[in-house]
Amino acid sequence: MMAYNQMFFMEFKNSVFMGNARERYLQLLAKRPEIIRHVSLKIIASYLGVTPNYLSNLRRSLATD
């Protein structure tokens, strides 16, 4: 489990430099949906490198698409 988490973190760290916030959020949602359900949006926003307000707007935008 620890190796899996470390691999996920390294993959995500690389994606931070390769995609925009929307792409990073969608990748997180696809690869680790349990994080979205169990971690506060404030922490997720920090992890994605955006503000909580921006993340809220992004989630609203994705819900209406």
N, C-alpha and C. Protein backbone atom coordinates (compact mmCIF):
# COMPACT_ATOMS: atom_id res chain seq x y z
N MET A 1 0.83 -1.19 0.00
CA MET A 1 0.00 0.00 0.00
C MET A 1 0.87 1.26 0.00
N MET A 2 1.93 1.23 0.78
CA MET A 2 2.82 2.39 0.86
C MET A 2 3.47 2.65 -0.50
N ALA A 3 3.89 1.59 -1.18
CA ALA A 3 4.52 1.74 -2.50
C ALA A 3 3.52 2.31 -3.50
N TYR A 4 2.27 1.85 -3.41
CA TYR A 4 1.22 2.36 -4.31
C TYR A 4 1.02 3.85 -4.10
N ASN A 5 0.93 4.27 -2.85
CA ASN A 5 0.74 5.69 -2.55
C ASN A 5 1.93 6.52 -3.03
N GLN A 6 3.12 5.99 -2.86
CA GLN A 6 4.31 6.71 -3.29
C GLN A 6 4.33 6.84 -4.81
N MET A 7 3.97 5.76 -5.53
CA MET A 7 3.91 5.82 -6.98
C MET A 7 2.87 6.82 -7.45
N PHE A 8 1.70 6.81 -6.79
CA PHE A 8 0.65 7.75 -7.16
C PHE A 8 1.13 9.18 -6.96
N PHE A 9 1.77 9.45 -5.84
CA PHE A 9 2.25 10.79 -5.56
C PHE A 9 3.27 11.24 -6.61
N MET A 10 4.17 10.36 -7.00
CA MET A 10 5.18 10.73 -7.99
C MET A 10 4.54 10.99 -9.35
N GLU A 11 3.56 10.17 -9.74
CA GLU A 11 2.84 10.40 -11.00
C GLU A 11 2.13 11.74 -10.95
N PHE A 12 1.47 12.01 -9.84
CA PHE A 12 0.72 13.26 -9.72
C PHE A 12 1.66 14.45 -9.71
N LYS A 13 2.77 14.33 -9.02
CA LYS A 13 3.75 15.42 -8.97
C LYS A 13 4.21 15.78 -10.37
N ASN A 14 4.44 14.78 -11.20
CA ASN A 14 4.83 15.04 -12.59
C ASN A 14 3.71 15.70 -13.37
N SER A 15 2.47 15.33 -13.10
CA SER A 15 1.35 15.90 -13.85
C SER A 15 1.11 17.36 -13.48
N VAL A 16 1.52 17.78 -12.31
CA VAL A 16 1.35 19.18 -11.90
C VAL A 16 2.05 20.10 -12.89
N PHE A 17 3.16 19.65 -13.41
CA PHE A 17 3.91 20.46 -14.35
C PHE A 17 3.42 20.31 -15.78
N MET A 18 2.55 19.33 -16.02
CA MET A 18 2.14 19.02 -17.39
C MET A 18 0.71 19.42 -17.72
N GLY A 19 -0.11 19.69 -16.74
CA GLY A 19 -1.50 19.97 -17.05
C GLY A 19 -2.03 21.16 -16.28
N ASN A 20 -3.20 21.60 -16.68
CA ASN A 20 -3.84 22.69 -15.95
C ASN A 20 -4.63 22.11 -14.77
N ALA A 21 -5.22 22.97 -13.99
CA ALA A 21 -5.92 22.53 -12.78
C ALA A 21 -7.07 21.58 -13.10
N ARG A 22 -7.79 21.86 -14.18
CA ARG A 22 -8.90 20.99 -14.57
C ARG A 22 -8.39 19.58 -14.87
N GLU A 23 -7.32 19.48 -15.64
CA GLU A 23 -6.75 18.18 -15.98
C GLU A 23 -6.25 17.45 -14.73
N ARG A 24 -5.62 18.19 -13.83
CA ARG A 24 -5.12 17.57 -12.59
C ARG A 24 -6.28 17.05 -11.74
N TYR A 25 -7.36 17.83 -11.64
CA TYR A 25 -8.51 17.40 -10.85
C TYR A 25 -9.15 16.16 -11.48
N LEU A 26 -9.31 16.17 -12.80
CA LEU A 26 -9.91 15.01 -13.47
C LEU A 26 -9.04 13.77 -13.32
N GLN A 27 -7.74 13.95 -13.35
CA GLN A 27 -6.83 12.82 -13.14
C GLN A 27 -6.97 12.28 -11.72
N LEU A 28 -7.03 13.17 -10.76
CA LEU A 28 -7.22 12.75 -9.38
C LEU A 28 -8.54 12.02 -9.22
N LEU A 29 -9.58 12.54 -9.81
CA LEU A 29 -10.90 11.93 -9.74
C LEU A 29 -10.90 10.54 -10.38
N ALA A 30 -10.21 10.38 -11.49
CA ALA A 30 -10.17 9.10 -12.19
C ALA A 30 -9.33 8.06 -11.46
N LYS A 31 -8.20 8.50 -10.91
CA LYS A 31 -7.27 7.55 -10.30
C LYS A 31 -7.54 7.28 -8.82
N ARG A 32 -8.04 8.27 -8.12
CA ARG A 32 -8.25 8.12 -6.67
C ARG A 32 -9.57 8.75 -6.23
N PRO A 33 -10.70 8.26 -6.70
CA PRO A 33 -11.99 8.88 -6.35
C PRO A 33 -12.27 8.87 -4.84
N GLU A 34 -11.68 7.92 -4.12
CA GLU A 34 -11.92 7.86 -2.68
C GLU A 34 -11.36 9.10 -1.97
N ILE A 35 -10.33 9.70 -2.53
CA ILE A 35 -9.77 10.91 -1.93
C ILE A 35 -10.79 12.03 -1.97
N ILE A 36 -11.49 12.15 -3.08
CA ILE A 36 -12.49 13.20 -3.24
C ILE A 36 -13.58 13.06 -2.17
N ARG A 37 -13.92 11.82 -1.83
CA ARG A 37 -15.00 11.58 -0.85
C ARG A 37 -14.54 11.75 0.59
N HIS A 38 -13.26 11.56 0.87
CA HIS A 38 -12.81 11.51 2.26
C HIS A 38 -11.94 12.68 2.71
N VAL A 39 -11.52 13.51 1.79
CA VAL A 39 -10.61 14.61 2.13
C VAL A 39 -11.32 15.93 1.87
N SER A 40 -11.10 16.90 2.73
CA SER A 40 -11.77 18.20 2.57
C SER A 40 -11.33 18.88 1.28
N LEU A 41 -12.23 19.69 0.74
CA LEU A 41 -11.94 20.40 -0.50
C LEU A 41 -10.79 21.38 -0.33
N LYS A 42 -10.64 21.91 0.87
CA LYS A 42 -9.53 22.83 1.14
C LYS A 42 -8.19 22.12 0.96
N ILE A 43 -8.09 20.90 1.43
CA ILE A 43 -6.85 20.13 1.30
C ILE A 43 -6.64 19.72 -0.15
N ILE A 44 -7.70 19.31 -0.83
CA ILE A 44 -7.59 18.93 -2.24
C ILE A 44 -7.14 20.13 -3.07
N ALA A 45 -7.71 21.29 -2.79
CA ALA A 45 -7.32 22.50 -3.52
C ALA A 45 -5.83 22.79 -3.32
N SER A 46 -5.37 22.66 -2.11
CA SER A 46 -3.95 22.88 -1.83
C SER A 46 -3.10 21.87 -2.59
N TYR A 47 -3.52 20.64 -2.60
CA TYR A 47 -2.81 19.57 -3.31
C TYR A 47 -2.73 19.85 -4.80
N LEU A 48 -3.81 20.43 -5.35
CA LEU A 48 -3.86 20.74 -6.78
C LEU A 48 -3.16 22.06 -7.11
N GLY A 49 -2.86 22.84 -6.10
CA GLY A 49 -2.21 24.13 -6.32
C GLY A 49 -3.16 25.23 -6.72
N VAL A 50 -4.41 25.14 -6.24
CA VAL A 50 -5.42 26.16 -6.54
C VAL A 50 -6.07 26.60 -5.24
N THR A 51 -6.87 27.66 -5.31
CA THR A 51 -7.60 28.10 -4.12
C THR A 51 -8.87 27.26 -3.97
N PRO A 52 -9.40 27.17 -2.75
CA PRO A 52 -10.66 26.45 -2.56
C PRO A 52 -11.79 27.03 -3.41
N ASN A 53 -11.81 28.35 -3.57
CA ASN A 53 -12.84 28.98 -4.39
C ASN A 53 -12.73 28.53 -5.85
N TYR A 54 -11.50 28.49 -6.36
CA TYR A 54 -11.29 28.04 -7.74
C TYR A 54 -11.74 26.59 -7.90
N LEU A 55 -11.40 25.74 -6.94
CA LEU A 55 -11.80 24.34 -7.00
C LEU A 55 -13.32 24.21 -6.98
N SER A 56 -13.97 25.00 -6.15
CA SER A 56 -15.43 24.98 -6.10
C SER A 56 -16.03 25.35 -7.45
N ASN A 57 -15.49 26.40 -8.07
CA ASN A 57 -15.96 26.82 -9.40
C ASN A 57 -15.69 25.74 -10.44
N LEU A 58 -14.55 25.11 -10.36
CA LEU A 58 -14.19 24.04 -11.29
C LEU A 58 -15.16 22.87 -11.15
N ARG A 59 -15.44 22.47 -9.93
CA ARG A 59 -16.37 21.35 -9.69
C ARG A 59 -17.77 21.70 -10.20
N ARG A 60 -18.19 22.94 -10.00
CA ARG A 60 -19.50 23.38 -10.49
C ARG A 60 -19.53 23.33 -12.01
N SER A 61 -18.45 23.78 -12.63
CA SER A 61 -18.35 23.77 -14.09
C SER A 61 -18.41 22.34 -14.64
N LEU A 62 -17.72 21.42 -14.00
CA LEU A 62 -17.73 20.03 -14.44
C LEU A 62 -19.10 19.39 -14.25
N ALA A 63 -19.80 19.79 -13.21
CA ALA A 63 -21.13 19.22 -12.94
C ALA A 63 -22.15 19.66 -13.99
N THR A 64 -21.97 20.83 -14.57
CA THR A 64 -22.93 21.33 -15.55
C THR A 64 -22.57 20.92 -16.97
N ASP A 65 -21.37 20.37 -17.17
CA ASP A 65 -20.97 19.91 -18.52
C ASP A 65 -21.69 18.65 -18.93
